[in-house]
């Protein structure tokens, strides 16, 4: 198994997704905000700085990745979703690796929007 062992799952995160509401700001313009995804709050995880191979993989696509988040279950993420961590850190989802079928971890690759 790669990444941290289950004993190192020392963080919790909440998945949030960009939502658009039409004309609620008084000007009639759409308003966008991130809202929590139902049933995906307080997810136990481990957040680590992204390794060199992960950074290199995304750099080839001109995408910056700063961290990897490890989960022991599959999370229904979409590009652009955010994870908000218990320490205040916020990461935007830039990609993921699903290796749950091989009895491994679900890994989200993210960009650090706000440091905790």
N, C-alpha and C. Protein backbone atom coordinates (compact mmCIF):
# COMPACT_ATOMS: atom_id res chain seq x y z
N UNK A 1 0.85 -1.18 0.00
CA UNK A 1 0.00 0.00 0.00
C UNK A 1 0.89 1.23 0.00
N UNK A 2 0.51 2.25 -0.75
CA UNK A 2 1.27 3.49 -0.76
C UNK A 2 0.61 4.49 0.17
N UNK A 3 1.30 5.61 0.41
CA UNK A 3 0.72 6.66 1.24
C UNK A 3 0.70 6.28 2.70
N UNK A 4 -0.01 7.05 3.52
CA UNK A 4 -0.01 6.81 4.95
C UNK A 4 -0.83 5.58 5.32
N UNK A 5 -0.49 4.93 6.42
CA UNK A 5 -1.32 3.84 6.90
C UNK A 5 -2.55 4.44 7.57
N UNK A 6 -3.55 3.62 7.82
CA UNK A 6 -4.81 4.13 8.38
C UNK A 6 -4.61 4.81 9.72
N UNK A 7 -3.54 4.47 10.45
CA UNK A 7 -3.26 5.11 11.72
C UNK A 7 -2.90 6.58 11.59
N UNK A 8 -2.55 7.02 10.39
CA UNK A 8 -2.16 8.41 10.17
C UNK A 8 -3.32 9.28 9.68
N UNK A 9 -4.52 8.76 9.67
CA UNK A 9 -5.67 9.55 9.24
C UNK A 9 -6.04 10.47 10.40
N UNK A 10 -5.44 11.65 10.40
CA UNK A 10 -5.53 12.55 11.55
C UNK A 10 -6.29 13.84 11.26
N UNK A 11 -6.94 13.92 10.13
CA UNK A 11 -7.68 15.13 9.76
C UNK A 11 -9.12 14.78 9.41
N UNK A 12 -9.95 15.80 9.36
CA UNK A 12 -11.30 15.64 8.82
C UNK A 12 -11.53 16.73 7.79
N UNK A 13 -12.35 16.42 6.79
CA UNK A 13 -12.62 17.36 5.71
C UNK A 13 -14.08 17.28 5.32
N UNK A 14 -14.58 18.39 4.79
CA UNK A 14 -15.94 18.47 4.28
C UNK A 14 -15.87 18.80 2.79
N UNK A 15 -16.59 18.02 1.98
CA UNK A 15 -16.64 18.24 0.54
C UNK A 15 -17.66 19.33 0.25
N UNK A 16 -17.27 20.33 -0.54
CA UNK A 16 -18.22 21.37 -0.96
C UNK A 16 -18.12 21.56 -2.47
N UNK A 17 -19.24 21.95 -3.04
CA UNK A 17 -19.36 22.06 -4.50
C UNK A 17 -19.92 23.43 -4.86
N UNK A 18 -19.43 23.97 -5.96
CA UNK A 18 -19.88 25.28 -6.44
C UNK A 18 -21.34 25.22 -6.89
N UNK A 19 -22.15 26.12 -6.35
CA UNK A 19 -23.56 26.22 -6.71
C UNK A 19 -23.85 27.62 -7.20
N UNK A 20 -24.73 27.76 -8.17
CA UNK A 20 -25.11 29.05 -8.70
C UNK A 20 -26.57 29.32 -8.43
N UNK A 21 -26.85 30.48 -7.89
CA UNK A 21 -28.23 30.92 -7.66
C UNK A 21 -28.51 32.10 -8.57
N UNK A 22 -29.64 32.10 -9.19
CA UNK A 22 -29.98 33.15 -10.14
C UNK A 22 -30.53 34.39 -9.45
N UNK A 23 -29.91 35.53 -9.69
CA UNK A 23 -30.44 36.83 -9.31
C UNK A 23 -30.79 37.04 -7.86
N UNK A 24 -30.01 36.53 -6.93
CA UNK A 24 -30.35 36.74 -5.53
C UNK A 24 -29.52 37.84 -4.87
N UNK A 25 -28.68 38.52 -5.65
CA UNK A 25 -27.84 39.56 -5.05
C UNK A 25 -28.41 40.96 -5.24
N UNK A 26 -29.61 41.07 -5.75
CA UNK A 26 -30.24 42.38 -5.94
C UNK A 26 -30.00 42.96 -7.32
N UNK A 27 -28.92 42.57 -7.98
CA UNK A 27 -28.63 43.11 -9.30
C UNK A 27 -29.17 42.22 -10.41
N UNK A 28 -29.66 41.05 -10.04
CA UNK A 28 -30.15 40.11 -11.03
C UNK A 28 -29.07 39.20 -11.59
N UNK A 29 -27.81 39.46 -11.20
CA UNK A 29 -26.70 38.63 -11.68
C UNK A 29 -26.64 37.32 -10.89
N UNK A 30 -26.19 36.25 -11.53
CA UNK A 30 -26.05 34.98 -10.81
C UNK A 30 -25.03 35.11 -9.68
N UNK A 31 -25.28 34.41 -8.59
CA UNK A 31 -24.38 34.40 -7.45
C UNK A 31 -23.88 32.97 -7.27
N UNK A 32 -22.57 32.84 -7.14
CA UNK A 32 -22.00 31.51 -6.94
C UNK A 32 -21.38 31.41 -5.55
N UNK A 33 -21.50 30.23 -4.97
CA UNK A 33 -20.90 29.97 -3.66
C UNK A 33 -20.70 28.47 -3.52
N UNK A 34 -19.80 28.10 -2.61
CA UNK A 34 -19.55 26.69 -2.33
C UNK A 34 -20.46 26.23 -1.20
N UNK A 35 -21.19 25.14 -1.43
CA UNK A 35 -22.07 24.57 -0.42
C UNK A 35 -21.65 23.14 -0.13
N UNK A 36 -21.80 22.72 1.12
CA UNK A 36 -21.44 21.35 1.51
C UNK A 36 -22.27 20.33 0.76
N UNK A 37 -21.63 19.23 0.38
CA UNK A 37 -22.32 18.12 -0.28
C UNK A 37 -22.89 17.23 0.82
N UNK A 38 -24.18 16.96 0.74
CA UNK A 38 -24.88 16.17 1.76
C UNK A 38 -24.18 14.82 1.95
N UNK A 39 -24.01 14.42 3.20
CA UNK A 39 -23.41 13.15 3.61
C UNK A 39 -21.90 13.08 3.40
N UNK A 40 -21.25 14.19 3.06
CA UNK A 40 -19.80 14.17 2.87
C UNK A 40 -19.13 15.26 3.70
N UNK A 41 -19.49 15.28 4.99
CA UNK A 41 -18.84 16.19 5.92
C UNK A 41 -18.12 15.38 6.99
N UNK A 42 -17.13 15.96 7.58
CA UNK A 42 -16.31 15.30 8.61
C UNK A 42 -15.74 13.97 8.14
N UNK A 43 -15.24 13.95 6.90
CA UNK A 43 -14.62 12.75 6.34
C UNK A 43 -13.22 12.58 6.94
N UNK A 44 -12.93 11.41 7.44
CA UNK A 44 -11.62 11.14 8.02
C UNK A 44 -10.61 10.96 6.88
N UNK A 45 -9.48 11.66 6.99
CA UNK A 45 -8.50 11.65 5.91
C UNK A 45 -7.11 12.00 6.43
N UNK A 46 -6.17 11.99 5.53
CA UNK A 46 -4.81 12.44 5.81
C UNK A 46 -4.40 13.36 4.67
N UNK A 47 -3.89 14.53 5.00
CA UNK A 47 -3.44 15.48 3.99
C UNK A 47 -1.92 15.54 4.04
N UNK A 48 -1.30 15.43 2.86
CA UNK A 48 0.15 15.43 2.75
C UNK A 48 0.58 16.34 1.61
N UNK A 49 1.77 16.93 1.68
CA UNK A 49 2.29 17.66 0.52
C UNK A 49 2.40 16.72 -0.68
N UNK A 50 2.10 17.22 -1.86
CA UNK A 50 2.16 16.39 -3.06
C UNK A 50 3.60 15.98 -3.33
N UNK A 51 3.79 14.73 -3.72
CA UNK A 51 5.11 14.22 -4.06
C UNK A 51 5.56 14.72 -5.42
N UNK A 52 6.83 14.56 -5.68
CA UNK A 52 7.41 15.04 -6.94
C UNK A 52 6.78 14.44 -8.17
N UNK A 53 6.46 13.14 -8.15
CA UNK A 53 5.88 12.50 -9.33
C UNK A 53 4.47 13.03 -9.60
N UNK A 54 3.71 13.32 -8.55
CA UNK A 54 2.36 13.87 -8.72
C UNK A 54 2.46 15.28 -9.28
N UNK A 55 3.33 16.10 -8.74
CA UNK A 55 3.51 17.47 -9.24
C UNK A 55 3.94 17.46 -10.70
N UNK A 56 4.87 16.55 -11.04
CA UNK A 56 5.37 16.45 -12.41
C UNK A 56 4.25 16.04 -13.37
N UNK A 57 3.43 15.06 -12.96
CA UNK A 57 2.31 14.59 -13.78
C UNK A 57 1.37 15.75 -14.14
N UNK A 58 0.99 16.54 -13.13
CA UNK A 58 0.07 17.65 -13.37
C UNK A 58 0.75 18.83 -14.06
N UNK A 59 2.03 19.05 -13.79
CA UNK A 59 2.75 20.16 -14.44
C UNK A 59 2.78 19.98 -15.95
N UNK A 60 2.80 18.75 -16.43
CA UNK A 60 2.76 18.50 -17.87
C UNK A 60 1.47 19.01 -18.49
N UNK A 61 0.45 19.14 -17.69
CA UNK A 61 -0.86 19.63 -18.14
C UNK A 61 -1.10 21.08 -17.73
N UNK A 62 -0.02 21.72 -17.23
CA UNK A 62 -0.05 23.10 -16.76
C UNK A 62 -1.07 23.29 -15.64
N UNK A 63 -1.10 22.33 -14.72
CA UNK A 63 -1.98 22.37 -13.56
C UNK A 63 -1.09 22.31 -12.32
N UNK A 64 -1.32 23.21 -11.37
CA UNK A 64 -0.54 23.21 -10.14
C UNK A 64 -1.26 22.40 -9.07
N UNK A 65 -0.54 21.47 -8.47
CA UNK A 65 -1.05 20.65 -7.37
C UNK A 65 -0.08 20.82 -6.21
N UNK A 66 -0.64 21.07 -5.02
CA UNK A 66 0.21 21.29 -3.84
C UNK A 66 0.10 20.17 -2.82
N UNK A 67 -1.05 19.46 -2.78
CA UNK A 67 -1.28 18.46 -1.74
C UNK A 67 -2.02 17.24 -2.28
N UNK A 68 -1.87 16.15 -1.53
CA UNK A 68 -2.64 14.93 -1.76
C UNK A 68 -3.45 14.67 -0.50
N UNK A 69 -4.69 14.24 -0.68
CA UNK A 69 -5.56 13.90 0.45
C UNK A 69 -5.93 12.43 0.29
N UNK A 70 -5.68 11.65 1.34
CA UNK A 70 -5.90 10.21 1.32
C UNK A 70 -7.16 9.86 2.10
N UNK A 71 -8.03 9.06 1.48
CA UNK A 71 -9.26 8.56 2.11
C UNK A 71 -9.26 7.04 2.00
N UNK A 72 -9.99 6.36 2.89
CA UNK A 72 -10.09 4.91 2.77
C UNK A 72 -11.40 4.49 2.11
N UNK A 73 -12.18 5.45 1.62
CA UNK A 73 -13.41 5.18 0.86
C UNK A 73 -13.43 6.09 -0.36
N UNK A 74 -14.19 5.69 -1.37
CA UNK A 74 -14.32 6.52 -2.57
C UNK A 74 -15.21 7.72 -2.27
N UNK A 75 -14.81 8.88 -2.75
CA UNK A 75 -15.56 10.12 -2.57
C UNK A 75 -16.00 10.60 -3.97
N UNK A 76 -17.28 10.98 -4.15
CA UNK A 76 -17.75 11.39 -5.48
C UNK A 76 -17.34 12.83 -5.82
N UNK A 77 -16.05 13.03 -6.04
CA UNK A 77 -15.55 14.37 -6.32
C UNK A 77 -15.70 14.73 -7.79
N UNK A 78 -15.71 16.03 -8.03
CA UNK A 78 -15.70 16.60 -9.39
C UNK A 78 -14.57 17.61 -9.43
N UNK A 79 -14.04 17.84 -10.62
CA UNK A 79 -13.02 18.88 -10.76
C UNK A 79 -13.60 20.20 -10.29
N UNK A 80 -12.83 20.93 -9.50
CA UNK A 80 -13.29 22.23 -9.00
C UNK A 80 -13.98 22.17 -7.65
N UNK A 81 -14.33 20.96 -7.18
CA UNK A 81 -14.88 20.84 -5.82
C UNK A 81 -13.81 21.30 -4.83
N UNK A 82 -14.23 21.53 -3.61
CA UNK A 82 -13.30 21.93 -2.57
C UNK A 82 -13.44 21.04 -1.35
N UNK A 83 -12.33 20.86 -0.67
CA UNK A 83 -12.33 20.23 0.64
C UNK A 83 -11.94 21.27 1.66
N UNK A 84 -12.78 21.43 2.68
CA UNK A 84 -12.49 22.34 3.78
C UNK A 84 -12.12 21.48 4.98
N UNK A 85 -10.94 21.71 5.53
CA UNK A 85 -10.40 20.89 6.61
C UNK A 85 -10.65 21.52 7.96
N UNK A 86 -10.59 20.69 8.99
CA UNK A 86 -10.88 21.14 10.35
C UNK A 86 -9.91 22.22 10.82
N UNK A 87 -8.72 22.31 10.22
CA UNK A 87 -7.75 23.33 10.62
C UNK A 87 -7.89 24.63 9.83
N UNK A 88 -8.91 24.71 8.96
CA UNK A 88 -9.14 25.93 8.18
C UNK A 88 -8.59 25.89 6.76
N UNK A 89 -7.76 24.92 6.44
CA UNK A 89 -7.19 24.80 5.10
C UNK A 89 -8.29 24.47 4.10
N UNK A 90 -8.16 25.01 2.89
CA UNK A 90 -9.10 24.72 1.80
C UNK A 90 -8.30 24.30 0.57
N UNK A 91 -8.67 23.17 -0.01
CA UNK A 91 -8.04 22.68 -1.24
C UNK A 91 -9.08 22.56 -2.34
N UNK A 92 -8.72 23.00 -3.54
CA UNK A 92 -9.55 22.80 -4.72
C UNK A 92 -9.12 21.50 -5.39
N UNK A 93 -10.09 20.67 -5.77
CA UNK A 93 -9.81 19.38 -6.41
C UNK A 93 -9.34 19.61 -7.84
N UNK A 94 -8.13 19.09 -8.13
CA UNK A 94 -7.56 19.20 -9.47
C UNK A 94 -7.53 17.84 -10.18
N UNK A 95 -7.73 16.76 -9.41
CA UNK A 95 -7.74 15.41 -9.97
C UNK A 95 -7.80 14.40 -8.83
N UNK A 96 -7.84 13.12 -9.18
CA UNK A 96 -7.90 12.07 -8.16
C UNK A 96 -7.45 10.74 -8.75
N UNK A 97 -7.21 9.80 -7.86
CA UNK A 97 -6.81 8.44 -8.19
C UNK A 97 -7.69 7.51 -7.38
N UNK A 98 -8.42 6.63 -8.04
CA UNK A 98 -9.28 5.69 -7.32
C UNK A 98 -8.63 4.32 -7.34
N UNK A 99 -8.06 3.94 -6.22
CA UNK A 99 -7.45 2.62 -6.11
C UNK A 99 -8.13 1.80 -5.03
N UNK A 100 -9.40 2.14 -4.72
CA UNK A 100 -10.15 1.39 -3.71
C UNK A 100 -10.38 -0.05 -4.13
N UNK A 101 -10.56 -0.29 -5.44
CA UNK A 101 -10.82 -1.65 -5.92
C UNK A 101 -9.64 -2.58 -5.67
N UNK A 102 -8.43 -2.03 -5.58
CA UNK A 102 -7.24 -2.83 -5.33
C UNK A 102 -6.90 -2.83 -3.84
N UNK A 103 -7.90 -2.57 -2.99
CA UNK A 103 -7.71 -2.49 -1.54
C UNK A 103 -6.67 -1.44 -1.17
N UNK A 104 -6.68 -0.35 -1.92
CA UNK A 104 -5.80 0.76 -1.63
C UNK A 104 -6.65 1.97 -1.28
N UNK A 105 -6.06 3.14 -1.41
CA UNK A 105 -6.72 4.36 -0.97
C UNK A 105 -7.30 5.15 -2.13
N UNK A 106 -8.26 6.02 -1.82
CA UNK A 106 -8.77 7.00 -2.76
C UNK A 106 -7.98 8.27 -2.49
N UNK A 107 -7.29 8.79 -3.52
CA UNK A 107 -6.40 9.93 -3.34
C UNK A 107 -6.91 11.10 -4.18
N UNK A 108 -7.07 12.25 -3.52
CA UNK A 108 -7.47 13.48 -4.21
C UNK A 108 -6.24 14.36 -4.32
N UNK A 109 -6.02 14.92 -5.51
CA UNK A 109 -4.92 15.85 -5.73
C UNK A 109 -5.52 17.25 -5.77
N UNK A 110 -4.97 18.14 -4.93
CA UNK A 110 -5.58 19.46 -4.80
C UNK A 110 -4.59 20.60 -4.81
N UNK A 111 -5.16 21.78 -4.98
CA UNK A 111 -4.40 23.03 -4.95
C UNK A 111 -4.80 23.80 -3.70
N UNK A 112 -3.82 24.27 -2.96
CA UNK A 112 -4.01 24.96 -1.70
C UNK A 112 -4.58 26.37 -1.93
N UNK A 113 -5.87 26.55 -1.66
CA UNK A 113 -6.53 27.84 -1.82
C UNK A 113 -6.31 28.71 -0.59
N UNK A 114 -6.39 28.06 0.58
CA UNK A 114 -6.23 28.76 1.86
C UNK A 114 -5.49 27.84 2.81
N UNK A 115 -4.40 28.34 3.37
CA UNK A 115 -3.64 27.54 4.32
C UNK A 115 -4.26 27.65 5.70
N UNK A 116 -4.27 26.50 6.40
CA UNK A 116 -4.85 26.47 7.74
C UNK A 116 -3.87 26.86 8.81
